[in-house]
Structure formats: structure tokens, C-alpha cells
Amino acid sequence: MCYDSAVRESINEYAITESHLEADFEMTYIVAEPCVNCRYTDCALVCPVDAFHLDDDMLVINPETCIDCDACVPECPVEAIFVEDKLPAEWASFTQINADRALSGLPTINVRLDPLCQ
């Protein structure tokens, strides 16, 4: 499989293997309730593969693009990003919300925008 230079750099920086990128993984990172109506973009800035998509009221992670590098988690100022097995039960619906919205054609985001909350 052929990857562009940004993905190749991410592979090297995060020790991600090409087989990881080619495998069919379940979504492992989810943007949850704390992002709704807040929408900081700090997490998207550090994503090496542009896995974040911009929705009207939050960001979502594309399960087909995310390489599970964990770079976004510490960058979220409202702690809205969870690894799937640590997602609080009351926010379980956000796993499907992220997948559905990210795969619906929403634009990717990799620039800083003003948050919706202050």
C-alpha cells in the first residue's frame, strides 16, 4: 500500500506498522459529551493523519483514519477523548455518533478554530 509522506512520518514517529494501518480495527478513540457545544480543536492539530472531522457542535474521530497514536488525548482541554474501553457508560452512544458523522462526509479539521465555549 502507498502512503503519503505525512503518514510515513507518523508511522516512524509513533512506531505504527503498515500492517496496523491495513488492518480492519474497531474504533478505539471516541470524542464524547464534553466536546458537545465546546469544540476545541487542539486535539485535531496534533493528529498526524487528519482523523478529526468538524461537525456543527463537536469534533468526531474517523475510525477508518485514526492510527491509535494517542497524541490527541492529552491535548483535549475538556477531556472529551476516550479510548473505547474507558468510555463512560453514559456516553456509549458516542462510539456510533463518531463513526456515523465522520463517515458522512464532514470536512476534516487540522487548524485551530475558536471554541464554541469559553
PDB file of N, CA and C in Angstrom:
ATOM      1  N   MET A   1       0.848  -1.170   0.000  1.00  0.00           N
ATOM      2  CA  MET A   1       0.000   0.000   0.000  1.00  0.00           C
ATOM      3  C   MET A   1       0.895   1.235   0.000  1.00  0.00           C
ATOM      4  N   CYS A   2       0.465   2.301  -0.642  1.00  0.00           N
ATOM      5  CA  CYS A   2       1.259   3.526  -0.755  1.00  0.00           C
ATOM      6  C   CYS A   2       0.682   4.586   0.182  1.00  0.00           C
ATOM      7  N   TYR A   3       1.527   5.174   1.026  1.00  0.00           N
ATOM      8  CA  TYR A   3       1.101   6.212   1.955  1.00  0.00           C
ATOM      9  C   TYR A   3       1.845   7.494   1.637  1.00  0.00           C
ATOM     10  N   ASP A   4       1.199   8.653   1.849  1.00  0.00           N
ATOM     11  CA  ASP A   4       1.896   9.907   1.597  1.00  0.00           C
ATOM     12  C   ASP A   4       2.932  10.163   2.689  1.00  0.00           C
ATOM     13  N   SER A   5       3.748  11.205   2.506  1.00  0.00           N
ATOM     14  CA  SER A   5       4.872  11.448   3.414  1.00  0.00           C
ATOM     15  C   SER A   5       4.419  11.746   4.839  1.00  0.00           C
ATOM     16  N   ALA A   6       3.285  12.405   5.027  1.00  0.00           N
ATOM     17  CA  ALA A   6       2.806  12.709   6.387  1.00  0.00           C
ATOM     18  C   ALA A   6       2.478  11.430   7.141  1.00  0.00           C
ATOM     19  N   VAL A   7       1.861  10.481   6.459  1.00  0.00           N
ATOM     20  CA  VAL A   7       1.538   9.214   7.101  1.00  0.00           C
ATOM     21  C   VAL A   7       2.819   8.434   7.377  1.00  0.00           C
ATOM     22  N   ARG A   8       3.759   8.463   6.435  1.00  0.00           N
ATOM     23  CA  ARG A   8       5.041   7.775   6.639  1.00  0.00           C
ATOM     24  C   ARG A   8       5.747   8.332   7.873  1.00  0.00           C
ATOM     25  N   GLU A   9       5.757   9.672   8.033  1.00  0.00           N
ATOM     26  CA  GLU A   9       6.383  10.284   9.204  1.00  0.00           C
ATOM     27  C   GLU A   9       5.685   9.837  10.475  1.00  0.00           C
ATOM     28  N   SER A  10       4.377   9.756  10.444  1.00  0.00           N
ATOM     29  CA  SER A  10       3.617   9.300  11.608  1.00  0.00           C
ATOM     30  C   SER A  10       3.942   7.860  11.938  1.00  0.00           C
ATOM     31  N   ILE A  11       4.096   7.058  10.905  1.00  0.00           N
ATOM     32  CA  ILE A  11       4.459   5.663  11.122  1.00  0.00           C
ATOM     33  C   ILE A  11       5.770   5.604  11.882  1.00  0.00           C
ATOM     34  N   ASN A  12       6.738   6.405  11.459  1.00  0.00           N
ATOM     35  CA  ASN A  12       8.042   6.408  12.115  1.00  0.00           C
ATOM     36  C   ASN A  12       7.972   7.012  13.512  1.00  0.00           C
ATOM     37  N   GLU A  13       7.298   8.148  13.659  1.00  0.00           N
ATOM     38  CA  GLU A  13       7.241   8.848  14.944  1.00  0.00           C
ATOM     39  C   GLU A  13       6.514   8.050  16.009  1.00  0.00           C
ATOM     40  N   TYR A  14       5.439   7.388  15.655  1.00  0.00           N
ATOM     41  CA  TYR A  14       4.626   6.684  16.636  1.00  0.00           C
ATOM     42  C   TYR A  14       4.822   5.169  16.608  1.00  0.00           C
ATOM     43  N   ALA A  15       5.808   4.715  15.854  1.00  0.00           N
ATOM     44  CA  ALA A  15       6.121   3.287  15.758  1.00  0.00           C
ATOM     45  C   ALA A  15       4.894   2.476  15.333  1.00  0.00           C
ATOM     46  N   ILE A  16       4.136   3.035  14.414  1.00  0.00           N
ATOM     47  CA  ILE A  16       2.977   2.352  13.868  1.00  0.00           C
ATOM     48  C   ILE A  16       3.453   1.521  12.679  1.00  0.00           C
ATOM     49  N   THR A  17       2.994   0.319  12.559  1.00  0.00           N
ATOM     50  CA  THR A  17       3.403  -0.531  11.451  1.00  0.00           C
ATOM     51  C   THR A  17       2.421  -0.400  10.303  1.00  0.00           C
ATOM     52  N   GLU A  18       2.884  -0.707   9.098  1.00  0.00           N
ATOM     53  CA  GLU A  18       1.991  -0.673   7.946  1.00  0.00           C
ATOM     54  C   GLU A  18       0.872  -1.690   8.103  1.00  0.00           C
ATOM     55  N   SER A  19       1.152  -2.809   8.734  1.00  0.00           N
ATOM     56  CA  SER A  19       0.096  -3.806   8.922  1.00  0.00           C
ATOM     57  C   SER A  19      -0.996  -3.265   9.829  1.00  0.00           C
ATOM     58  N   HIS A  20      -0.638  -2.396  10.786  1.00  0.00           N
ATOM     59  CA  HIS A  20      -1.641  -1.749  11.636  1.00  0.00           C
ATOM     60  C   HIS A  20      -2.558  -0.887  10.777  1.00  0.00           C
ATOM     61  N   LEU A  21      -1.973  -0.143   9.857  1.00  0.00           N
ATOM     62  CA  LEU A  21      -2.769   0.741   9.010  1.00  0.00           C
ATOM     63  C   LEU A  21      -3.671  -0.038   8.066  1.00  0.00           C
ATOM     64  N   GLU A  22      -3.249  -1.215   7.661  1.00  0.00           N
ATOM     65  CA  GLU A  22      -4.015  -2.002   6.712  1.00  0.00           C
ATOM     66  C   GLU A  22      -5.064  -2.883   7.374  1.00  0.00           C
ATOM     67  N   ALA A  23      -4.933  -3.106   8.677  1.00  0.00           N
ATOM     68  CA  ALA A  23      -5.862  -3.989   9.381  1.00  0.00           C
ATOM     69  C   ALA A  23      -7.226  -3.328   9.537  1.00  0.00           C
ATOM     70  N   ASP A  24      -8.241  -4.151   9.765  1.00  0.00           N
ATOM     71  CA  ASP A  24      -9.600  -3.671   9.983  1.00  0.00           C
ATOM     72  C   ASP A  24      -9.837  -3.610  11.495  1.00  0.00           C
ATOM     73  N   PHE A  25      -9.583  -2.454  12.092  1.00  0.00           N
ATOM     74  CA  PHE A  25      -9.701  -2.284  13.531  1.00  0.00           C
ATOM     75  C   PHE A  25     -11.039  -1.666  13.882  1.00  0.00           C
ATOM     76  N   GLU A  26     -11.542  -2.016  15.062  1.00  0.00           N
ATOM     77  CA  GLU A  26     -12.691  -1.325  15.619  1.00  0.00           C
ATOM     78  C   GLU A  26     -12.227   0.064  16.059  1.00  0.00           C
ATOM     79  N   MET A  27     -13.146   1.006  16.145  1.00  0.00           N
ATOM     80  CA  MET A  27     -12.794   2.328  16.636  1.00  0.00           C
ATOM     81  C   MET A  27     -12.278   2.205  18.056  1.00  0.00           C
ATOM     82  N   THR A  28     -11.171   2.866  18.350  1.00  0.00           N
ATOM     83  CA  THR A  28     -10.628   2.791  19.692  1.00  0.00           C
ATOM     84  C   THR A  28     -10.641   4.133  20.410  1.00  0.00           C
ATOM     85  N   TYR A  29     -10.715   5.243  19.702  1.00  0.00           N
ATOM     86  CA  TYR A  29     -10.793   6.560  20.337  1.00  0.00           C
ATOM     87  C   TYR A  29     -12.104   7.218  19.966  1.00  0.00           C
ATOM     88  N   ILE A  30     -12.743   7.799  20.980  1.00  0.00           N
ATOM     89  CA  ILE A  30     -14.064   8.389  20.807  1.00  0.00           C
ATOM     90  C   ILE A  30     -14.057   9.801  21.381  1.00  0.00           C
ATOM     91  N   VAL A  31     -14.643  10.753  20.656  1.00  0.00           N
ATOM     92  CA  VAL A  31     -14.905  12.085  21.201  1.00  0.00           C
ATOM     93  C   VAL A  31     -16.301  12.018  21.805  1.00  0.00           C
ATOM     94  N   ALA A  32     -16.423  12.409  23.076  1.00  0.00           N
ATOM     95  CA  ALA A  32     -17.679  12.228  23.807  1.00  0.00           C
ATOM     96  C   ALA A  32     -18.312  13.554  24.230  1.00  0.00           C
ATOM     97  N   GLU A  33     -19.296  13.458  25.074  1.00  0.00           N
ATOM     98  CA  GLU A  33     -20.158  14.557  25.521  1.00  0.00           C
ATOM     99  C   GLU A  33     -19.428  15.863  25.893  1.00  0.00           C
ATOM    100  N   PRO A  34     -18.298  15.836  26.591  1.00  0.00           N
ATOM    101  CA  PRO A  34     -17.668  17.110  26.962  1.00  0.00           C
ATOM    102  C   PRO A  34     -17.330  18.009  25.773  1.00  0.00           C
ATOM    103  N   CYS A  35     -17.220  17.450  24.586  1.00  0.00           N
ATOM    104  CA  CYS A  35     -16.914  18.253  23.398  1.00  0.00           C
ATOM    105  C   CYS A  35     -18.152  18.944  22.822  1.00  0.00           C
ATOM    106  N   VAL A  36     -19.317  18.417  23.101  1.00  0.00           N
ATOM    107  CA  VAL A  36     -20.551  18.966  22.528  1.00  0.00           C
ATOM    108  C   VAL A  36     -20.736  20.411  22.991  1.00  0.00           C
ATOM    109  N   ASN A  37     -20.949  21.274  22.013  1.00  0.00           N
ATOM    110  CA  ASN A  37     -21.107  22.720  22.226  1.00  0.00           C
ATOM    111  C   ASN A  37     -19.869  23.376  22.823  1.00  0.00           C
ATOM    112  N   CYS A  38     -18.739  22.747  22.704  1.00  0.00           N
ATOM    113  CA  CYS A  38     -17.471  23.310  23.155  1.00  0.00           C
ATOM    114  C   CYS A  38     -16.499  23.390  21.984  1.00  0.00           C
ATOM    115  N   ARG A  39     -16.179  22.220  21.425  1.00  0.00           N
ATOM    116  CA  ARG A  39     -15.448  22.070  20.171  1.00  0.00           C
ATOM    117  C   ARG A  39     -14.093  22.775  20.127  1.00  0.00           C
ATOM    118  N   TYR A  40     -13.253  22.500  21.094  1.00  0.00           N
ATOM    119  CA  TYR A  40     -11.860  22.920  20.975  1.00  0.00           C
ATOM    120  C   TYR A  40     -11.231  22.117  19.846  1.00  0.00           C
ATOM    121  N   THR A  41     -10.231  22.669  19.188  1.00  0.00           N
ATOM    122  CA  THR A  41      -9.586  21.957  18.087  1.00  0.00           C
ATOM    123  C   THR A  41      -8.133  21.598  18.385  1.00  0.00           C
ATOM    124  N   ASP A  42      -7.696  21.759  19.618  1.00  0.00           N
ATOM    125  CA  ASP A  42      -6.314  21.445  19.993  1.00  0.00           C
ATOM    126  C   ASP A  42      -5.944  20.005  19.632  1.00  0.00           C
ATOM    127  N   CYS A  43      -6.875  19.095  19.837  1.00  0.00           N
ATOM    128  CA  CYS A  43      -6.642  17.674  19.556  1.00  0.00           C
ATOM    129  C   CYS A  43      -6.404  17.431  18.072  1.00  0.00           C
ATOM    130  N   ALA A  44      -7.129  18.129  17.239  1.00  0.00           N
ATOM    131  CA  ALA A  44      -7.007  17.940  15.791  1.00  0.00           C
ATOM    132  C   ALA A  44      -5.665  18.441  15.272  1.00  0.00           C
ATOM    133  N   LEU A  45      -5.108  19.447  15.931  1.00  0.00           N
ATOM    134  CA  LEU A  45      -3.827  19.997  15.489  1.00  0.00           C
ATOM    135  C   LEU A  45      -2.691  18.991  15.584  1.00  0.00           C
ATOM    136  N   VAL A  46      -2.744  18.096  16.541  1.00  0.00           N
ATOM    137  CA  VAL A  46      -1.657  17.139  16.741  1.00  0.00           C
ATOM    138  C   VAL A  46      -1.897  15.805  16.046  1.00  0.00           C
ATOM    139  N   CYS A  47      -3.040  15.626  15.439  1.00  0.00           N
ATOM    140  CA  CYS A  47      -3.348  14.360  14.775  1.00  0.00           C
ATOM    141  C   CYS A  47      -2.491  14.222  13.516  1.00  0.00           C
ATOM    142  N   PRO A  48      -1.662  13.184  13.466  1.00  0.00           N
ATOM    143  CA  PRO A  48      -0.752  13.050  12.325  1.00  0.00           C
ATOM    144  C   PRO A  48      -1.415  12.565  11.032  1.00  0.00           C
ATOM    145  N   VAL A  49      -2.676  12.132  11.101  1.00  0.00           N
ATOM    146  CA  VAL A  49      -3.335  11.582   9.911  1.00  0.00           C
ATOM    147  C   VAL A  49      -4.685  12.233   9.607  1.00  0.00           C
ATOM    148  N   ASP A  50      -4.960  13.388  10.170  1.00  0.00           N
ATOM    149  CA  ASP A  50      -6.215  14.105   9.907  1.00  0.00           C
ATOM    150  C   ASP A  50      -7.443  13.229  10.119  1.00  0.00           C
ATOM    151  N   ALA A  51      -7.510  12.599  11.287  1.00  0.00           N
ATOM    152  CA  ALA A  51      -8.633  11.722  11.605  1.00  0.00           C
ATOM    153  C   ALA A  51      -9.835  12.473  12.169  1.00  0.00           C
ATOM    154  N   PHE A  52      -9.679  13.748  12.498  1.00  0.00           N
ATOM    155  CA  PHE A  52     -10.773  14.523  13.091  1.00  0.00           C
ATOM    156  C   PHE A  52     -11.614  15.188  12.005  1.00  0.00           C
ATOM    157  N   HIS A  53     -12.919  15.186  12.245  1.00  0.00           N
ATOM    158  CA  HIS A  53     -13.868  15.830  11.346  1.00  0.00           C
ATOM    159  C   HIS A  53     -14.650  16.879  12.128  1.00  0.00           C
ATOM    160  N   LEU A  54     -14.968  17.964  11.448  1.00  0.00           N
ATOM    161  CA  LEU A  54     -15.641  19.108  12.056  1.00  0.00           C
ATOM    162  C   LEU A  54     -17.141  19.010  11.851  1.00  0.00           C
ATOM    163  N   ASP A  55     -17.876  18.959  12.961  1.00  0.00           N
ATOM    164  CA  ASP A  55     -19.335  18.990  12.918  1.00  0.00           C
ATOM    165  C   ASP A  55     -19.778  20.328  13.499  1.00  0.00           C
ATOM    166  N   ASP A  56     -21.046  20.640  13.423  1.00  0.00           N
ATOM    167  CA  ASP A  56     -21.538  21.932  13.893  1.00  0.00           C
ATOM    168  C   ASP A  56     -21.270  22.175  15.365  1.00  0.00           C
ATOM    169  N   ASP A  57     -21.359  21.133  16.191  1.00  0.00           N
ATOM    170  CA  ASP A  57     -21.262  21.344  17.631  1.00  0.00           C
ATOM    171  C   ASP A  57     -20.132  20.571  18.314  1.00  0.00           C
ATOM    172  N   MET A  58     -19.364  19.780  17.546  1.00  0.00           N
ATOM    173  CA  MET A  58     -18.284  18.995  18.148  1.00  0.00           C
ATOM    174  C   MET A  58     -17.341  18.492  17.059  1.00  0.00           C
ATOM    175  N   LEU A  59     -16.251  17.877  17.477  1.00  0.00           N
ATOM    176  CA  LEU A  59     -15.371  17.152  16.573  1.00  0.00           C
ATOM    177  C   LEU A  59     -15.669  15.664  16.729  1.00  0.00           C
ATOM    178  N   VAL A  60     -15.395  14.899  15.694  1.00  0.00           N
ATOM    179  CA  VAL A  60     -15.529  13.449  15.755  1.00  0.00           C
ATOM    180  C   VAL A  60     -14.289  12.825  15.141  1.00  0.00           C
ATOM    181  N   ILE A  61     -14.027  11.569  15.502  1.00  0.00           N
ATOM    182  CA  ILE A  61     -12.859  10.847  15.002  1.00  0.00           C
ATOM    183  C   ILE A  61     -13.311   9.806  13.991  1.00  0.00           C
ATOM    184  N   ASN A  62     -12.603   9.780  12.869  1.00  0.00           N
ATOM    185  CA  ASN A  62     -12.892   8.810  11.822  1.00  0.00           C
ATOM    186  C   ASN A  62     -12.225   7.486  12.171  1.00  0.00           C
ATOM    187  N   PRO A  63     -13.011   6.419  12.349  1.00  0.00           N
ATOM    188  CA  PRO A  63     -12.438   5.136  12.725  1.00  0.00           C
ATOM    189  C   PRO A  63     -11.598   4.499  11.627  1.00  0.00           C
ATOM    190  N   GLU A  64     -11.784   4.941  10.391  1.00  0.00           N
ATOM    191  CA  GLU A  64     -11.008   4.387   9.286  1.00  0.00           C
ATOM    192  C   GLU A  64      -9.677   5.098   9.094  1.00  0.00           C
ATOM    193  N   THR A  65      -9.521   6.266   9.707  1.00  0.00           N
ATOM    194  CA  THR A  65      -8.307   7.054   9.547  1.00  0.00           C
ATOM    195  C   THR A  65      -7.422   7.010  10.783  1.00  0.00           C
ATOM    196  N   CYS A  66      -8.017   6.973  11.957  1.00  0.00           N
ATOM    197  CA  CYS A  66      -7.278   7.001  13.218  1.00  0.00           C
ATOM    198  C   CYS A  66      -6.272   5.857  13.281  1.00  0.00           C
ATOM    199  N   ILE A  67      -5.048   6.173  13.700  1.00  0.00           N
ATOM    200  CA  ILE A  67      -3.995   5.159  13.824  1.00  0.00           C
ATOM    201  C   ILE A  67      -3.698   4.830  15.289  1.00  0.00           C
ATOM    202  N   ASP A  68      -4.565   5.240  16.184  1.00  0.00           N
ATOM    203  CA  ASP A  68      -4.445   4.901  17.607  1.00  0.00           C
ATOM    204  C   ASP A  68      -3.126   5.361  18.218  1.00  0.00           C
ATOM    205  N   CYS A  69      -2.665   6.534  17.833  1.00  0.00           N
ATOM    206  CA  CYS A  69      -1.364   7.013  18.326  1.00  0.00           C
ATOM    207  C   CYS A  69      -1.454   7.666  19.696  1.00  0.00           C
ATOM    208  N   ASP A  70      -2.664   8.047  20.131  1.00  0.00           N
ATOM    209  CA  ASP A  70      -2.886   8.628  21.453  1.00  0.00           C
ATOM    210  C   ASP A  70      -2.445  10.087  21.563  1.00  0.00           C
ATOM    211  N   ALA A  71      -1.980  10.696  20.489  1.00  0.00           N
ATOM    212  CA  ALA A  71      -1.486  12.079  20.548  1.00  0.00           C
ATOM    213  C   ALA A  71      -2.575  13.076  20.926  1.00  0.00           C
ATOM    214  N   CYS A  72      -3.809  12.810  20.570  1.00  0.00           N
ATOM    215  CA  CYS A  72      -4.901  13.753  20.786  1.00  0.00           C
ATOM    216  C   CYS A  72      -5.381  13.810  22.229  1.00  0.00           C
ATOM    217  N   VAL A  73      -5.306  12.702  22.937  1.00  0.00           N
ATOM    218  CA  VAL A  73      -5.917  12.602  24.267  1.00  0.00           C
ATOM    219  C   VAL A  73      -5.408  13.675  25.233  1.00  0.00           C
ATOM    220  N   PRO A  74      -4.108  13.843  25.407  1.00  0.00           N
ATOM    221  CA  PRO A  74      -3.648  14.851  26.365  1.00  0.00           C
ATOM    222  C   PRO A  74      -3.865  16.295  25.903  1.00  0.00           C
ATOM    223  N   GLU A  75      -4.168  16.487  24.636  1.00  0.00           N
ATOM    224  CA  GLU A  75      -4.354  17.836  24.099  1.00  0.00           C
ATOM    225  C   GLU A  75      -5.752  18.397  24.298  1.00  0.00           C
ATOM    226  N   CYS A  76      -6.710  17.543  24.611  1.00  0.00           N
ATOM    227  CA  CYS A  76      -8.093  17.986  24.756  1.00  0.00           C
ATOM    228  C   CYS A  76      -8.283  18.691  26.096  1.00  0.00           C
ATOM    229  N   PRO A  77      -8.570  20.000  26.077  1.00  0.00           N
ATOM    230  CA  PRO A  77      -8.693  20.738  27.338  1.00  0.00           C
ATOM    231  C   PRO A  77      -9.928  20.394  28.165  1.00  0.00           C
ATOM    232  N   VAL A  78     -10.908  19.727  27.553  1.00  0.00           N
ATOM    233  CA  VAL A  78     -12.112  19.349  28.295  1.00  0.00           C
ATOM    234  C   VAL A  78     -12.184  17.846  28.536  1.00  0.00           C
ATOM    235  N   GLU A  79     -11.103  17.133  28.240  1.00  0.00           N
ATOM    236  CA  GLU A  79     -11.008  15.685  28.465  1.00  0.00           C
ATOM    237  C   GLU A  79     -12.189  14.936  27.855  1.00  0.00           C
ATOM    238  N   ALA A  80     -12.421  15.202  26.568  1.00  0.00           N
ATOM    239  CA  ALA A  80     -13.552  14.603  25.866  1.00  0.00           C
ATOM    240  C   ALA A  80     -13.180  13.378  25.039  1.00  0.00           C
ATOM    241  N   ILE A  81     -11.894  13.026  24.963  1.00  0.00           N
ATOM    242  CA  ILE A  81     -11.461  11.911  24.121  1.00  0.00           C
ATOM    243  C   ILE A  81     -11.112  10.720  25.003  1.00  0.00           C
ATOM    244  N   PHE A  82     -11.716   9.589  24.659  1.00  0.00           N
ATOM    245  CA  PHE A  82     -11.537   8.372  25.455  1.00  0.00           C
ATOM    246  C   PHE A  82     -11.148   7.215  24.552  1.00  0.00           C
ATOM    247  N   VAL A  83     -10.294   6.349  25.078  1.00  0.00           N
ATOM    248  CA  VAL A  83     -10.106   5.065  24.430  1.00  0.00           C
ATOM    249  C   VAL A  83     -11.410   4.308  24.664  1.00  0.00           C
ATOM    250  N   GLU A  84     -11.833   3.532  23.682  1.00  0.00           N
ATOM    251  CA  GLU A  84     -13.185   2.951  23.731  1.00  0.00           C
ATOM    252  C   GLU A  84     -13.461   2.153  25.001  1.00  0.00           C
ATOM    253  N   ASP A  85     -12.510   1.380  25.472  1.00  0.00           N
ATOM    254  CA  ASP A  85     -12.791   0.565  26.665  1.00  0.00           C
ATOM    255  C   ASP A  85     -12.774   1.373  27.959  1.00  0.00           C
ATOM    256  N   LYS A  86     -12.467   2.660  27.882  1.00  0.00           N
ATOM    257  CA  LYS A  86     -12.519   3.547  29.051  1.00  0.00           C
ATOM    258  C   LYS A  86     -13.634   4.597  28.925  1.00  0.00           C
ATOM    259  N   LEU A  87     -14.420   4.491  27.869  1.00  0.00           N
ATOM    260  CA  LEU A  87     -15.518   5.427  27.644  1.00  0.00           C
ATOM    261  C   LEU A  87     -16.585   5.218  28.716  1.00  0.00           C
ATOM    262  N   PRO A  88     -16.955   6.276  29.457  1.00  0.00           N
ATOM    263  CA  PRO A  88     -18.012   6.119  30.471  1.00  0.00           C
ATOM    264  C   PRO A  88     -19.301   5.574  29.840  1.00  0.00           C
ATOM    265  N   ALA A  89     -19.942   4.686  30.542  1.00  0.00           N
ATOM    266  CA  ALA A  89     -21.136   4.003  30.022  1.00  0.00           C
ATOM    267  C   ALA A  89     -22.214   4.974  29.557  1.00  0.00           C
ATOM    268  N   GLU A  90     -22.368   6.084  30.264  1.00  0.00           N
ATOM    269  CA  GLU A  90     -23.420   7.034  29.881  1.00  0.00           C
ATOM    270  C   GLU A  90     -23.146   7.707  28.536  1.00  0.00           C
ATOM    271  N   TRP A  91     -21.930   7.575  28.020  1.00  0.00           N
ATOM    272  CA  TRP A  91     -21.580   8.162  26.730  1.00  0.00           C
ATOM    273  C   TRP A  91     -21.333   7.097  25.666  1.00  0.00           C
ATOM    274  N   ALA A  92     -21.776   5.898  25.881  1.00  0.00           N
ATOM    275  CA  ALA A  92     -21.542   4.793  24.943  1.00  0.00           C
ATOM    276  C   ALA A  92     -22.068   5.104  23.538  1.00  0.00           C
ATOM    277  N   SER A  93     -23.118   5.875  23.437  1.00  0.00           N
ATOM    278  CA  SER A  93     -23.693   6.202  22.125  1.00  0.00           C
ATOM    279  C   SER A  93     -22.735   7.011  21.253  1.00  0.00           C
ATOM    280  N   PHE A  94     -21.730   7.617  21.859  1.00  0.00           N
ATOM    281  CA  PHE A  94     -20.789   8.432  21.092  1.00  0.00           C
ATOM    282  C   PHE A  94     -19.871   7.606  20.197  1.00  0.00           C
ATOM    283  N   THR A  95     -19.741   6.319  20.461  1.00  0.00           N
ATOM    284  CA  THR A  95     -18.964   5.467  19.564  1.00  0.00           C
ATOM    285  C   THR A  95     -19.614   5.476  18.180  1.00  0.00           C
ATOM    286  N   GLN A  96     -20.911   5.248  18.132  1.00  0.00           N
ATOM    287  CA  GLN A  96     -21.629   5.249  16.855  1.00  0.00           C
ATOM    288  C   GLN A  96     -21.745   6.650  16.285  1.00  0.00           C
ATOM    289  N   ILE A  97     -21.938   7.638  17.137  1.00  0.00           N
ATOM    290  CA  ILE A  97     -22.024   9.033  16.678  1.00  0.00           C
ATOM    291  C   ILE A  97     -20.753   9.419  15.949  1.00  0.00           C
ATOM    292  N   ASN A  98     -19.581   9.104  16.540  1.00  0.00           N
ATOM    293  CA  ASN A  98     -18.309   9.429  15.883  1.00  0.00           C
ATOM    294  C   ASN A  98     -18.208   8.754  14.525  1.00  0.00           C
ATOM    295  N   ALA A  99     -18.476   7.466  14.478  1.00  0.00           N
ATOM    296  CA  ALA A  99     -18.355   6.730  13.220  1.00  0.00           C
ATOM    297  C   ALA A  99     -19.321   7.268  12.168  1.00  0.00           C
ATOM    298  N   ASP A 100     -20.581   7.421  12.535  1.00  0.00           N
ATOM    299  CA  ASP A 100     -21.587   7.877  11.574  1.00  0.00           C
ATOM    300  C   ASP A 100     -21.272   9.265  11.033  1.00  0.00           C
ATOM    301  N   ARG A 101     -20.957  10.177  11.921  1.00  0.00           N
ATOM    302  CA  ARG A 101     -20.703  11.555  11.480  1.00  0.00           C
ATOM    303  C   ARG A 101     -19.403  11.671  10.689  1.00  0.00           C
ATOM    304  N   ALA A 102     -18.346  11.002  11.142  1.00  0.00           N
ATOM    305  CA  ALA A 102     -17.065  11.091  10.437  1.00  0.00           C
ATOM    306  C   ALA A 102     -17.168  10.511   9.032  1.00  0.00           C
ATOM    307  N   LEU A 103     -17.934   9.451   8.885  1.00  0.00           N
ATOM    308  CA  LEU A 103     -18.059   8.798   7.585  1.00  0.00           C
ATOM    309  C   LEU A 103     -19.151   9.413   6.706  1.00  0.00           C
ATOM    310  N   SER A 104     -19.818  10.452   7.216  1.00  0.00           N
ATOM    311  CA  SER A 104     -20.916  11.079   6.466  1.00  0.00           C
ATOM    312  C   SER A 104     -20.440  12.123   5.461  1.00  0.00           C
ATOM    313  N   GLY A 105     -19.150  12.406   5.457  1.00  0.00           N
ATOM    314  CA  GLY A 105     -18.633  13.409   4.523  1.00  0.00           C
ATOM    315  C   GLY A 105     -18.292  14.739   5.158  1.00  0.00           C
ATOM    316  N   LEU A 106     -18.333  14.813   6.487  1.00  0.00           N
ATOM    317  CA  LEU A 106     -17.937  16.055   7.154  1.00  0.00           C
ATOM    318  C   LEU A 106     -16.489  16.380   6.808  1.00  0.00           C
ATOM    319  N   PRO A 107     -16.125  17.666   6.763  1.00  0.00           N
ATOM    320  CA  PRO A 107     -14.739  18.031   6.433  1.00  0.00           C
ATOM    321  C   PRO A 107     -13.780  17.646   7.552  1.00  0.00           C
ATOM    322  N   THR A 108     -12.551  17.302   7.159  1.00  0.00           N
ATOM    323  CA  THR A 108     -11.514  17.084   8.168  1.00  0.00           C
ATOM    324  C   THR A 108     -11.090  18.441   8.712  1.00  0.00           C
ATOM    325  N   ILE A 109     -10.501  18.406   9.900  1.00  0.00           N
ATOM    326  CA  ILE A 109     -10.049  19.629  10.551  1.00  0.00           C
ATOM    327  C   ILE A 109      -8.627  19.418  11.056  1.00  0.00           C
ATOM    328  N   ASN A 110      -7.750  20.360  10.720  1.00  0.00           N
ATOM    329  CA  ASN A 110      -6.376  20.301  11.203  1.00  0.00           C
ATOM    330  C   ASN A 110      -5.812  21.694  11.466  1.00  0.00           C
ATOM    331  N   VAL A 111      -6.706  22.635  11.728  1.00  0.00           N
ATOM    332  CA  VAL A 111      -6.331  24.005  12.061  1.00  0.00           C
ATOM    333  C   VAL A 111      -7.046  24.422  13.340  1.00  0.00           C
ATOM    334  N   ARG A 112      -6.513  25.428  13.990  1.00  0.00           N
ATOM    335  CA  ARG A 112      -7.131  25.936  15.216  1.00  0.00           C
ATOM    336  C   ARG A 112      -8.324  26.826  14.865  1.00  0.00           C
ATOM    337  N   LEU A 113      -9.436  26.542  15.508  1.00  0.00           N
ATOM    338  CA  LEU A 113     -10.628  27.379  15.427  1.00  0.00           C
ATOM    339  C   LEU A 113     -10.980  27.830  16.830  1.00  0.00           C
ATOM    340  N   ASP A 114     -11.662  28.943  16.925  1.00  0.00           N
ATOM    341  CA  ASP A 114     -12.136  29.377  18.237  1.00  0.00           C
ATOM    342  C   ASP A 114     -13.141  28.352  18.755  1.00  0.00           C
ATOM    343  N   PRO A 115     -13.050  28.002  20.039  1.00  0.00           N
ATOM    344  CA  PRO A 115     -14.016  27.054  20.592  1.00  0.00           C
ATOM    345  C   PRO A 115     -15.402  27.683  20.682  1.00  0.00           C
ATOM    346  N   LEU A 116     -16.404  26.849  20.781  1.00  0.00           N
ATOM    347  CA  LEU A 116     -17.773  27.335  20.943  1.00  0.00           C
ATOM    348  C   LEU A 116     -18.044  27.776  22.364  1.00  0.00           C
ATOM    349  N   CYS A 117     -17.271  27.235  23.322  1.00  0.00           N
ATOM    350  CA  CYS A 117     -17.427  27.607  24.724  1.00  0.00           C
ATOM    351  C   CYS A 117     -16.225  28.424  25.160  1.00  0.00           C
ATOM    352  N   GLN A 118     -16.355  29.101  26.251  1.00  0.00           N
ATOM    353  CA  GLN A 118     -15.230  29.922  26.763  1.00  0.00           C
ATOM    354  C   GLN A 118     -14.904  29.573  28.185  1.00  0.00           C
TER     355      GLN A 118
END
